[in-house]
């Protein structure tokens, strides 16, 4: 099933990132560009780097100039993330282009790729919560709390994987149809952000 395939790629990306555990390391994608795993790996790598950007920027002692540079990196990462999600949706649009929706077919509240985006973030939450549940220097109370949270995250994973697989099956059967809206982010666009176009 697709969600299990995607989650396996996300776990691989997270594991590979943490070998060096550096936001400055280059992305080395092990999959060919014509394989959907290439986009899935890229998507999660972006999320993983950004996860650690967000950790760094919350350092109360961070230098203000460094924080501003990091904020710009987070903005660029967010745009890259959005673009990659849209590429994944393009894969599904191409895959299901010959499916004729049934007359009573319905639309989902989010596209397949945006559901997969949530699965990628969930993979990161699971990885880091598991780390916290096993952290040797942490108190037993902390570890117990983290184990309880991890159990909830694992249940979320099960439910989200099922929902994604059902959505894709419904699209394939013509019971649902895909309609993709570009995100049209305004704050990065010099013609749409008043702070930028008024300069």
N, C-alpha and C. Protein backbone atom coordinates (compact mmCIF):
# COMPACT_ATOMS: atom_id res chain seq x y z
N UNK A 1 0.85 -1.20 0.00
CA UNK A 1 0.00 0.00 0.00
C UNK A 1 0.89 1.24 0.00
N UNK A 2 0.36 2.32 -0.59
CA UNK A 2 1.22 3.48 -0.82
C UNK A 2 1.70 4.12 0.47
N UNK A 3 0.84 4.26 1.46
CA UNK A 3 1.26 4.95 2.68
C UNK A 3 2.38 4.20 3.40
N UNK A 4 2.36 2.87 3.37
CA UNK A 4 3.43 2.10 3.99
C UNK A 4 4.74 2.28 3.23
N UNK A 5 4.64 2.32 1.89
CA UNK A 5 5.83 2.59 1.09
C UNK A 5 6.41 3.96 1.44
N UNK A 6 5.53 4.97 1.50
CA UNK A 6 5.97 6.33 1.80
C UNK A 6 6.61 6.40 3.18
N UNK A 7 5.98 5.77 4.17
CA UNK A 7 6.51 5.86 5.54
C UNK A 7 7.88 5.21 5.62
N UNK A 8 8.08 4.11 4.89
CA UNK A 8 9.39 3.46 4.87
C UNK A 8 10.46 4.38 4.30
N UNK A 9 10.12 5.12 3.24
CA UNK A 9 11.07 6.08 2.65
C UNK A 9 11.34 7.21 3.65
N UNK A 10 10.32 7.67 4.35
CA UNK A 10 10.50 8.74 5.34
C UNK A 10 11.45 8.27 6.46
N UNK A 11 11.26 7.06 6.91
CA UNK A 11 12.14 6.52 7.97
C UNK A 11 13.59 6.44 7.47
N UNK A 12 13.76 6.04 6.22
CA UNK A 12 15.10 5.96 5.63
C UNK A 12 15.75 7.34 5.59
N UNK A 13 15.00 8.34 5.16
CA UNK A 13 15.51 9.71 5.09
C UNK A 13 15.92 10.22 6.47
N UNK A 14 15.05 10.01 7.45
CA UNK A 14 15.34 10.47 8.82
C UNK A 14 16.59 9.79 9.37
N UNK A 15 16.68 8.48 9.16
CA UNK A 15 17.85 7.73 9.63
C UNK A 15 19.13 8.25 8.97
N UNK A 16 19.07 8.47 7.66
CA UNK A 16 20.26 8.95 6.94
C UNK A 16 20.66 10.36 7.38
N UNK A 17 19.68 11.22 7.62
CA UNK A 17 19.98 12.58 8.10
C UNK A 17 20.74 12.51 9.43
N UNK A 18 20.30 11.64 10.32
CA UNK A 18 20.87 11.62 11.67
C UNK A 18 22.23 10.93 11.76
N UNK A 19 22.73 10.43 10.64
CA UNK A 19 24.10 9.91 10.65
C UNK A 19 25.06 11.06 10.93
N UNK A 20 24.89 12.18 10.23
CA UNK A 20 25.70 13.38 10.48
C UNK A 20 24.99 14.37 11.40
N UNK A 21 23.65 14.35 11.35
CA UNK A 21 22.83 15.22 12.19
C UNK A 21 23.23 16.69 12.05
N UNK A 22 23.32 17.16 10.82
CA UNK A 22 23.70 18.55 10.55
C UNK A 22 22.78 19.15 9.50
N UNK A 23 22.27 20.36 9.79
CA UNK A 23 21.40 21.03 8.83
C UNK A 23 22.16 21.48 7.59
N UNK A 24 23.48 21.48 7.65
CA UNK A 24 24.30 21.94 6.52
C UNK A 24 24.72 20.82 5.57
N UNK A 25 24.36 19.59 5.89
CA UNK A 25 24.77 18.49 5.01
C UNK A 25 23.95 18.51 3.72
N UNK A 26 24.53 18.10 2.61
CA UNK A 26 23.80 18.10 1.34
C UNK A 26 22.81 16.93 1.27
N UNK A 27 21.77 17.13 0.51
CA UNK A 27 20.81 16.05 0.24
C UNK A 27 21.41 15.12 -0.80
N UNK A 28 21.53 13.86 -0.45
CA UNK A 28 21.98 12.83 -1.39
C UNK A 28 20.85 11.83 -1.54
N UNK A 29 20.05 12.03 -2.57
CA UNK A 29 18.85 11.22 -2.77
C UNK A 29 19.23 9.88 -3.41
N UNK A 30 18.92 8.76 -2.75
CA UNK A 30 19.33 7.45 -3.28
C UNK A 30 18.44 6.93 -4.42
N UNK A 31 17.36 7.66 -4.74
CA UNK A 31 16.40 7.16 -5.72
C UNK A 31 16.49 7.95 -7.03
N UNK A 32 16.28 7.28 -8.16
CA UNK A 32 16.29 7.99 -9.45
C UNK A 32 15.12 8.97 -9.56
N UNK A 33 15.30 10.00 -10.36
CA UNK A 33 14.30 11.08 -10.43
C UNK A 33 12.95 10.63 -10.98
N UNK A 34 12.93 9.54 -11.74
CA UNK A 34 11.66 9.08 -12.30
C UNK A 34 10.92 8.13 -11.37
N UNK A 35 11.42 7.95 -10.16
CA UNK A 35 10.79 7.07 -9.16
C UNK A 35 10.10 7.96 -8.13
N UNK A 36 8.84 7.66 -7.79
CA UNK A 36 8.11 8.46 -6.79
C UNK A 36 8.85 8.49 -5.46
N UNK A 37 9.65 7.47 -5.19
CA UNK A 37 10.43 7.47 -3.94
C UNK A 37 11.40 8.64 -3.90
N UNK A 38 11.84 9.09 -5.06
CA UNK A 38 12.74 10.25 -5.12
C UNK A 38 12.05 11.48 -4.51
N UNK A 39 10.81 11.73 -4.91
CA UNK A 39 10.07 12.87 -4.37
C UNK A 39 9.73 12.68 -2.90
N UNK A 40 9.39 11.46 -2.51
CA UNK A 40 9.07 11.19 -1.10
C UNK A 40 10.30 11.41 -0.21
N UNK A 41 11.45 10.93 -0.68
CA UNK A 41 12.69 11.10 0.08
C UNK A 41 13.03 12.59 0.20
N UNK A 42 12.92 13.29 -0.92
CA UNK A 42 13.19 14.73 -0.93
C UNK A 42 12.25 15.47 0.02
N UNK A 43 10.99 15.11 -0.04
CA UNK A 43 9.98 15.76 0.82
C UNK A 43 10.35 15.61 2.28
N UNK A 44 10.67 14.39 2.70
CA UNK A 44 10.97 14.19 4.11
C UNK A 44 12.30 14.81 4.51
N UNK A 45 13.26 14.81 3.59
CA UNK A 45 14.56 15.44 3.91
C UNK A 45 14.37 16.93 4.20
N UNK A 46 13.56 17.59 3.39
CA UNK A 46 13.24 19.00 3.62
C UNK A 46 12.61 19.17 5.00
N UNK A 47 11.65 18.30 5.33
CA UNK A 47 10.98 18.37 6.63
C UNK A 47 11.95 18.14 7.78
N UNK A 48 12.88 17.20 7.58
CA UNK A 48 13.83 16.85 8.64
C UNK A 48 14.79 18.00 8.90
N UNK A 49 15.31 18.59 7.84
CA UNK A 49 16.19 19.75 8.01
C UNK A 49 15.43 20.88 8.69
N UNK A 50 14.20 21.12 8.24
CA UNK A 50 13.43 22.22 8.84
C UNK A 50 13.10 21.94 10.30
N UNK A 51 12.85 20.70 10.64
CA UNK A 51 12.61 20.33 12.04
C UNK A 51 13.77 20.82 12.90
N UNK A 52 14.99 20.62 12.40
CA UNK A 52 16.16 21.01 13.17
C UNK A 52 16.45 22.51 13.09
N UNK A 53 16.07 23.14 11.98
CA UNK A 53 16.10 24.62 11.95
C UNK A 53 15.23 25.18 13.06
N UNK A 54 14.04 24.60 13.21
CA UNK A 54 13.09 25.10 14.22
C UNK A 54 13.62 24.88 15.63
N UNK A 55 14.35 23.79 15.84
CA UNK A 55 15.00 23.58 17.15
C UNK A 55 16.04 24.67 17.41
N UNK A 56 16.88 24.91 16.41
CA UNK A 56 18.00 25.86 16.57
C UNK A 56 17.49 27.27 16.85
N UNK A 57 16.46 27.69 16.10
CA UNK A 57 16.00 29.08 16.22
C UNK A 57 15.35 29.35 17.58
N UNK A 58 15.00 28.29 18.31
CA UNK A 58 14.39 28.48 19.63
C UNK A 58 15.42 28.57 20.75
N UNK A 59 16.69 28.52 20.39
CA UNK A 59 17.75 28.73 21.39
C UNK A 59 17.63 30.16 21.92
N UNK A 60 17.36 30.34 23.23
CA UNK A 60 17.18 31.70 23.76
C UNK A 60 18.43 32.56 23.65
N UNK A 61 19.58 31.93 23.45
CA UNK A 61 20.83 32.68 23.35
C UNK A 61 21.32 32.87 21.91
N UNK A 62 20.45 32.57 20.95
CA UNK A 62 20.87 32.69 19.55
C UNK A 62 21.16 34.14 19.21
N UNK A 63 22.20 34.34 18.43
CA UNK A 63 22.55 35.68 17.97
C UNK A 63 21.45 36.18 17.03
N UNK A 64 21.08 37.46 17.17
CA UNK A 64 19.97 38.01 16.39
C UNK A 64 20.23 37.94 14.89
N UNK A 65 21.46 38.19 14.49
CA UNK A 65 21.78 38.14 13.07
C UNK A 65 21.69 36.70 12.55
N UNK A 66 22.16 35.75 13.34
CA UNK A 66 22.06 34.34 12.96
C UNK A 66 20.59 33.90 12.89
N UNK A 67 19.78 34.40 13.80
CA UNK A 67 18.36 34.06 13.82
C UNK A 67 17.67 34.57 12.54
N UNK A 68 18.04 35.76 12.10
CA UNK A 68 17.45 36.31 10.88
C UNK A 68 17.85 35.48 9.66
N UNK A 69 19.11 35.09 9.60
CA UNK A 69 19.58 34.23 8.50
C UNK A 69 18.81 32.91 8.51
N UNK A 70 18.63 32.37 9.71
CA UNK A 70 17.92 31.10 9.85
C UNK A 70 16.45 31.24 9.46
N UNK A 71 15.83 32.37 9.81
CA UNK A 71 14.44 32.62 9.43
C UNK A 71 14.30 32.62 7.91
N UNK A 72 15.26 33.21 7.22
CA UNK A 72 15.24 33.21 5.75
C UNK A 72 15.36 31.78 5.21
N UNK A 73 16.18 30.96 5.87
CA UNK A 73 16.32 29.56 5.45
C UNK A 73 15.01 28.80 5.66
N UNK A 74 14.33 29.08 6.77
CA UNK A 74 13.05 28.43 7.06
C UNK A 74 12.02 28.83 6.00
N UNK A 75 12.01 30.11 5.63
CA UNK A 75 11.09 30.58 4.59
C UNK A 75 11.34 29.85 3.27
N UNK A 76 12.61 29.74 2.90
CA UNK A 76 12.97 29.05 1.65
C UNK A 76 12.59 27.58 1.73
N UNK A 77 12.80 26.98 2.90
CA UNK A 77 12.46 25.58 3.10
C UNK A 77 10.96 25.35 2.97
N UNK A 78 10.17 26.27 3.52
CA UNK A 78 8.72 26.16 3.41
C UNK A 78 8.27 26.20 1.95
N UNK A 79 8.90 27.07 1.16
CA UNK A 79 8.54 27.14 -0.25
C UNK A 79 8.93 25.85 -0.97
N UNK A 80 10.11 25.34 -0.64
CA UNK A 80 10.59 24.08 -1.23
C UNK A 80 9.66 22.93 -0.87
N UNK A 81 9.22 22.92 0.37
CA UNK A 81 8.28 21.89 0.85
C UNK A 81 6.98 21.95 0.05
N UNK A 82 6.42 23.14 -0.11
CA UNK A 82 5.17 23.31 -0.85
C UNK A 82 5.33 22.86 -2.30
N UNK A 83 6.43 23.27 -2.92
CA UNK A 83 6.68 22.88 -4.32
C UNK A 83 6.75 21.36 -4.46
N UNK A 84 7.42 20.71 -3.49
CA UNK A 84 7.59 19.26 -3.55
C UNK A 84 6.26 18.54 -3.36
N UNK A 85 5.42 19.05 -2.46
CA UNK A 85 4.08 18.47 -2.29
C UNK A 85 3.31 18.57 -3.61
N UNK A 86 3.43 19.69 -4.28
CA UNK A 86 2.70 19.86 -5.55
C UNK A 86 3.24 18.92 -6.62
N UNK A 87 4.54 18.64 -6.60
CA UNK A 87 5.10 17.65 -7.53
C UNK A 87 4.53 16.25 -7.25
N UNK A 88 4.37 15.93 -5.97
CA UNK A 88 3.80 14.63 -5.61
C UNK A 88 2.36 14.54 -6.09
N UNK A 89 1.60 15.63 -5.92
CA UNK A 89 0.24 15.62 -6.44
C UNK A 89 0.21 15.48 -7.96
N UNK A 90 1.19 16.07 -8.64
CA UNK A 90 1.27 15.91 -10.09
C UNK A 90 1.45 14.45 -10.48
N UNK A 91 2.22 13.73 -9.65
CA UNK A 91 2.39 12.28 -9.88
C UNK A 91 1.04 11.57 -9.84
N UNK A 92 0.22 11.90 -8.83
CA UNK A 92 -1.09 11.26 -8.70
C UNK A 92 -2.04 11.69 -9.82
N UNK A 93 -2.00 12.97 -10.19
CA UNK A 93 -2.84 13.43 -11.29
C UNK A 93 -2.52 12.67 -12.57
N UNK A 94 -1.23 12.46 -12.80
CA UNK A 94 -0.82 11.71 -13.99
C UNK A 94 -1.25 10.24 -13.87
N UNK A 95 -1.06 9.68 -12.69
CA UNK A 95 -1.39 8.26 -12.48
C UNK A 95 -2.88 7.99 -12.71
N UNK A 96 -3.72 8.92 -12.28
CA UNK A 96 -5.17 8.70 -12.34
C UNK A 96 -5.85 9.49 -13.46
N UNK A 97 -5.07 9.95 -14.43
CA UNK A 97 -5.63 10.83 -15.47
C UNK A 97 -6.71 10.14 -16.31
N UNK A 98 -6.66 8.82 -16.42
CA UNK A 98 -7.63 8.11 -17.25
C UNK A 98 -8.82 7.56 -16.46
N UNK A 99 -8.87 7.88 -15.16
CA UNK A 99 -10.00 7.45 -14.33
C UNK A 99 -11.16 8.44 -14.52
N UNK A 100 -12.31 7.92 -14.85
CA UNK A 100 -13.51 8.76 -14.97
C UNK A 100 -14.28 8.70 -13.65
N UNK A 101 -14.37 9.83 -12.96
CA UNK A 101 -15.12 9.80 -11.69
C UNK A 101 -16.58 9.44 -11.92
N UNK A 102 -17.16 8.72 -10.98
CA UNK A 102 -18.58 8.38 -11.05
C UNK A 102 -19.42 9.65 -10.87
N UNK A 103 -20.65 9.65 -11.36
CA UNK A 103 -21.48 10.85 -11.24
C UNK A 103 -21.65 11.36 -9.81
N UNK A 104 -21.64 10.44 -8.85
CA UNK A 104 -21.80 10.83 -7.44
C UNK A 104 -20.46 10.91 -6.70
N UNK A 105 -19.35 10.98 -7.44
CA UNK A 105 -18.03 11.05 -6.80
C UNK A 105 -17.90 12.34 -5.99
N UNK A 106 -17.18 12.25 -4.89
CA UNK A 106 -17.00 13.40 -4.01
C UNK A 106 -15.53 13.80 -3.97
N UNK A 107 -15.31 15.01 -3.48
CA UNK A 107 -13.95 15.52 -3.36
C UNK A 107 -13.49 15.39 -1.92
N UNK A 108 -12.21 15.18 -1.71
CA UNK A 108 -11.66 15.08 -0.37
C UNK A 108 -11.26 16.47 0.13
N UNK A 109 -11.16 16.64 1.44
CA UNK A 109 -10.80 17.95 1.99
C UNK A 109 -9.36 18.33 1.69
N UNK A 110 -8.52 17.35 1.41
CA UNK A 110 -7.13 17.63 1.04
C UNK A 110 -6.71 16.65 -0.04
N UNK A 111 -5.72 17.05 -0.81
CA UNK A 111 -5.22 16.18 -1.87
C UNK A 111 -4.38 15.05 -1.27
N UNK A 112 -4.11 13.99 -2.04
CA UNK A 112 -3.27 12.91 -1.51
C UNK A 112 -1.92 13.40 -1.00
N UNK A 113 -1.29 14.31 -1.74
CA UNK A 113 0.06 14.75 -1.35
C UNK A 113 0.07 15.53 -0.04
N UNK A 114 -0.99 16.31 0.22
CA UNK A 114 -1.01 17.05 1.49
C UNK A 114 -1.27 16.11 2.66
N UNK A 115 -1.98 15.00 2.42
CA UNK A 115 -2.11 13.98 3.47
C UNK A 115 -0.77 13.30 3.69
N UNK A 116 -0.03 13.07 2.62
CA UNK A 116 1.31 12.46 2.72
C UNK A 116 2.27 13.42 3.41
N UNK A 117 2.09 14.71 3.20
CA UNK A 117 2.88 15.72 3.93
C UNK A 117 2.70 15.53 5.43
N UNK A 118 1.47 15.33 5.87
CA UNK A 118 1.23 15.11 7.31
C UNK A 118 1.88 13.83 7.80
N UNK A 119 1.91 12.81 6.93
CA UNK A 119 2.54 11.54 7.30
C UNK A 119 4.05 11.72 7.47
N UNK A 120 4.65 12.55 6.63
CA UNK A 120 6.08 12.82 6.74
C UNK A 120 6.42 13.50 8.07
N UNK A 121 5.60 14.48 8.45
CA UNK A 121 5.80 15.17 9.74
C UNK A 121 5.58 14.19 10.89
N UNK A 122 4.60 13.33 10.74
CA UNK A 122 4.32 12.33 11.78
C UNK A 122 5.49 11.37 11.96
N UNK A 123 6.15 11.01 10.86
CA UNK A 123 7.34 10.14 10.95
C UNK A 123 8.42 10.82 11.79
N UNK A 124 8.57 12.12 11.63
CA UNK A 124 9.56 12.87 12.43
C UNK A 124 9.16 12.93 13.91
N UNK A 125 7.89 13.14 14.16
CA UNK A 125 7.42 13.16 15.56
C UNK A 125 7.67 11.82 16.23
N UNK A 126 7.38 10.74 15.52
CA UNK A 126 7.60 9.40 16.08
C UNK A 126 9.07 9.17 16.36
N UNK A 127 9.94 9.52 15.41
CA UNK A 127 11.38 9.32 15.60
C UNK A 127 11.87 10.06 16.83
N UNK A 128 11.52 11.33 16.95
CA UNK A 128 12.06 12.15 18.04
C UNK A 128 11.39 11.84 19.38
N UNK A 129 10.12 11.43 19.36
CA UNK A 129 9.48 11.05 20.62
C UNK A 129 10.08 9.74 21.13
N UNK A 130 10.40 8.84 20.21
CA UNK A 130 11.05 7.59 20.61
C UNK A 130 12.43 7.87 21.22
N UNK A 131 13.15 8.81 20.62
CA UNK A 131 14.44 9.23 21.19
C UNK A 131 14.28 9.71 22.63
N UNK A 132 13.26 10.55 22.84
CA UNK A 132 13.04 11.11 24.18
C UNK A 132 12.61 10.03 25.17
N UNK A 133 11.85 9.06 24.69
CA UNK A 133 11.39 7.97 25.57
C UNK A 133 12.54 7.08 26.02
N UNK A 134 13.67 7.15 25.27
CA UNK A 134 14.83 6.30 25.60
C UNK A 134 16.02 7.11 26.13
N UNK A 135 15.87 8.42 26.24
CA UNK A 135 17.01 9.26 26.63
C UNK A 135 17.48 8.92 28.04
N UNK A 136 18.73 8.46 28.14
CA UNK A 136 19.23 7.89 29.40
C UNK A 136 19.22 8.88 30.54
N UNK A 137 19.59 10.14 30.27
CA UNK A 137 19.72 11.11 31.36
C UNK A 137 18.37 11.71 31.79
N UNK A 138 17.31 11.38 31.04
CA UNK A 138 15.99 11.92 31.38
C UNK A 138 15.39 11.17 32.57
N UNK A 139 14.49 11.84 33.27
CA UNK A 139 13.84 11.21 34.42
C UNK A 139 12.86 10.13 33.94
N UNK A 140 12.52 9.25 34.84
CA UNK A 140 11.56 8.19 34.52
C UNK A 140 10.20 8.81 34.18
N UNK A 141 9.84 9.87 34.88
CA UNK A 141 8.57 10.54 34.60
C UNK A 141 8.55 11.06 33.16
N UNK A 142 9.66 11.69 32.77
CA UNK A 142 9.77 12.21 31.40
C UNK A 142 9.65 11.07 30.39
N UNK A 143 10.37 10.00 30.62
CA UNK A 143 10.35 8.87 29.69
C UNK A 143 8.97 8.22 29.62
N UNK A 144 8.31 8.10 30.76
CA UNK A 144 6.97 7.53 30.77
C UNK A 144 5.98 8.41 30.01
N UNK A 145 6.09 9.72 30.21
CA UNK A 145 5.23 10.66 29.48
C UNK A 145 5.46 10.54 27.97
N UNK A 146 6.72 10.41 27.59
CA UNK A 146 7.05 10.31 26.17
C UNK A 146 6.59 8.99 25.58
N UNK A 147 6.67 7.92 26.37
CA UNK A 147 6.16 6.62 25.88
C UNK A 147 4.65 6.69 25.64
N UNK A 148 3.94 7.37 26.53
CA UNK A 148 2.48 7.53 26.37
C UNK A 148 2.18 8.34 25.10
N UNK A 149 2.95 9.40 24.88
CA UNK A 149 2.76 10.23 23.68
C UNK A 149 3.12 9.45 22.42
N UNK A 150 4.16 8.63 22.52
CA UNK A 150 4.58 7.82 21.38
C UNK A 150 3.47 6.84 20.98
N UNK A 151 2.80 6.27 21.97
CA UNK A 151 1.70 5.35 21.67
C UNK A 151 0.58 6.05 20.90
N UNK A 152 0.30 7.30 21.27
CA UNK A 152 -0.72 8.08 20.56
C UNK A 152 -0.26 8.35 19.13
N UNK A 153 1.01 8.72 18.96
CA UNK A 153 1.54 8.99 17.63
C UNK A 153 1.49 7.75 16.74
N UNK A 154 1.77 6.59 17.32
CA UNK A 154 1.72 5.35 16.55
C UNK A 154 0.29 5.01 16.14
N UNK A 155 -0.66 5.36 17.00
CA UNK A 155 -2.07 5.16 16.63
C UNK A 155 -2.45 6.13 15.51
N UNK A 156 -1.96 7.36 15.60
CA UNK A 156 -2.20 8.34 14.53
C UNK A 156 -1.63 7.84 13.20
N UNK A 157 -0.44 7.25 13.27
CA UNK A 157 0.18 6.70 12.06
C UNK A 157 -0.72 5.65 11.42
N UNK A 158 -1.22 4.75 12.23
CA UNK A 158 -2.09 3.68 11.73
C UNK A 158 -3.33 4.27 11.06
N UNK A 159 -3.95 5.25 11.71
CA UNK A 159 -5.17 5.86 11.18
C UNK A 159 -4.88 6.65 9.90
N UNK A 160 -3.79 7.42 9.90
CA UNK A 160 -3.47 8.24 8.73
C UNK A 160 -3.08 7.38 7.54
N UNK A 161 -2.32 6.32 7.78
CA UNK A 161 -1.97 5.39 6.69
C UNK A 161 -3.23 4.79 6.08
N UNK A 162 -4.16 4.37 6.94
CA UNK A 162 -5.41 3.79 6.45
C UNK A 162 -6.19 4.82 5.64
N UNK A 163 -6.27 6.06 6.13
CA UNK A 163 -7.03 7.10 5.44
C UNK A 163 -6.43 7.41 4.07
N UNK A 164 -5.10 7.47 3.99
CA UNK A 164 -4.43 7.75 2.71
C UNK A 164 -4.70 6.62 1.73
N UNK A 165 -4.55 5.39 2.19
CA UNK A 165 -4.79 4.24 1.31
C UNK A 165 -6.23 4.19 0.83
N UNK A 166 -7.16 4.51 1.72
CA UNK A 166 -8.58 4.53 1.33
C UNK A 166 -8.84 5.64 0.32
N UNK A 167 -8.23 6.80 0.51
CA UNK A 167 -8.41 7.91 -0.43
C UNK A 167 -7.91 7.52 -1.82
N UNK A 168 -6.73 6.94 -1.89
CA UNK A 168 -6.18 6.54 -3.18
C UNK A 168 -7.03 5.45 -3.84
N UNK A 169 -7.53 4.51 -3.03
CA UNK A 169 -8.42 3.47 -3.57
C UNK A 169 -9.71 4.07 -4.10
N UNK A 170 -10.24 5.05 -3.38
CA UNK A 170 -11.48 5.70 -3.81
C UNK A 170 -11.28 6.49 -5.11
N UNK A 171 -10.13 7.13 -5.24
CA UNK A 171 -9.84 7.86 -6.49
C UNK A 171 -9.72 6.88 -7.64
N UNK A 172 -9.01 5.78 -7.39
CA UNK A 172 -8.81 4.77 -8.43
C UNK A 172 -10.14 4.14 -8.86
N UNK A 173 -11.07 4.01 -7.92
CA UNK A 173 -12.37 3.41 -8.22
C UNK A 173 -13.38 4.42 -8.76
N UNK A 174 -12.98 5.69 -8.80
CA UNK A 174 -13.89 6.73 -9.29
C UNK A 174 -14.87 7.24 -8.26
N UNK A 175 -14.70 6.84 -7.00
CA UNK A 175 -15.61 7.29 -5.94
C UNK A 175 -15.25 8.68 -5.42
N UNK A 176 -14.01 9.06 -5.59
CA UNK A 176 -13.55 10.41 -5.27
C UNK A 176 -12.76 10.93 -6.46
N UNK A 177 -12.64 12.24 -6.54
CA UNK A 177 -11.84 12.82 -7.61
C UNK A 177 -10.86 13.83 -7.03
N UNK A 178 -9.76 13.98 -7.73
CA UNK A 178 -8.71 14.91 -7.30
C UNK A 178 -8.95 16.29 -7.90
N UNK A 179 -8.79 17.29 -7.10
CA UNK A 179 -8.80 18.67 -7.57
C UNK A 179 -7.70 19.37 -6.79
N UNK A 180 -6.69 19.83 -7.50
CA UNK A 180 -5.50 20.37 -6.83
C UNK A 180 -5.47 21.88 -7.01
N UNK A 181 -5.32 22.59 -5.91
CA UNK A 181 -5.14 24.03 -5.93
C UNK A 181 -3.68 24.35 -5.60
N UNK A 182 -3.06 25.18 -6.41
CA UNK A 182 -1.72 25.65 -6.07
C UNK A 182 -1.84 26.48 -4.80
N UNK A 183 -0.82 26.41 -3.96
CA UNK A 183 -0.90 27.08 -2.66
C UNK A 183 -0.89 28.60 -2.77
N UNK A 184 -0.27 29.13 -3.83
CA UNK A 184 -0.28 30.58 -4.06
C UNK A 184 0.16 31.36 -2.82
N UNK A 185 1.28 30.98 -2.27
CA UNK A 185 1.80 31.68 -1.10
C UNK A 185 2.10 33.13 -1.48
N UNK A 186 1.68 34.06 -0.65
CA UNK A 186 1.77 35.47 -0.99
C UNK A 186 2.99 36.17 -0.39
N UNK A 187 3.47 35.67 0.76
CA UNK A 187 4.50 36.43 1.45
C UNK A 187 5.85 36.40 0.76
N UNK A 188 6.08 35.39 -0.11
CA UNK A 188 7.35 35.32 -0.84
C UNK A 188 7.30 36.04 -2.19
N UNK A 189 6.12 36.51 -2.57
CA UNK A 189 5.93 37.10 -3.89
C UNK A 189 6.05 38.62 -3.80
N UNK A 190 7.02 39.18 -4.51
CA UNK A 190 7.27 40.63 -4.45
C UNK A 190 6.09 41.44 -4.97
N UNK A 191 5.23 40.83 -5.78
CA UNK A 191 4.08 41.56 -6.31
C UNK A 191 2.84 41.45 -5.42
N UNK A 192 2.89 40.60 -4.39
CA UNK A 192 1.73 40.37 -3.53
C UNK A 192 1.95 40.77 -2.07
N UNK A 193 3.19 40.79 -1.62
CA UNK A 193 3.50 41.15 -0.24
C UNK A 193 3.71 42.67 -0.16
N UNK A 194 2.83 43.42 0.53
CA UNK A 194 2.95 44.88 0.55
C UNK A 194 4.26 45.39 1.15
N UNK A 195 4.85 44.62 2.07
CA UNK A 195 6.13 45.04 2.63
C UNK A 195 7.21 45.06 1.55
N UNK A 196 7.09 44.14 0.59
CA UNK A 196 8.08 44.05 -0.49
C UNK A 196 7.76 45.02 -1.63
N UNK A 197 6.47 45.11 -2.06
CA UNK A 197 6.21 45.95 -3.22
C UNK A 197 6.12 47.43 -2.91
N UNK A 198 6.05 47.80 -1.63
CA UNK A 198 6.03 49.22 -1.27
C UNK A 198 7.41 49.81 -1.11
N UNK A 199 8.44 48.94 -1.19
CA UNK A 199 9.81 49.43 -1.02
C UNK A 199 10.23 50.22 -2.24
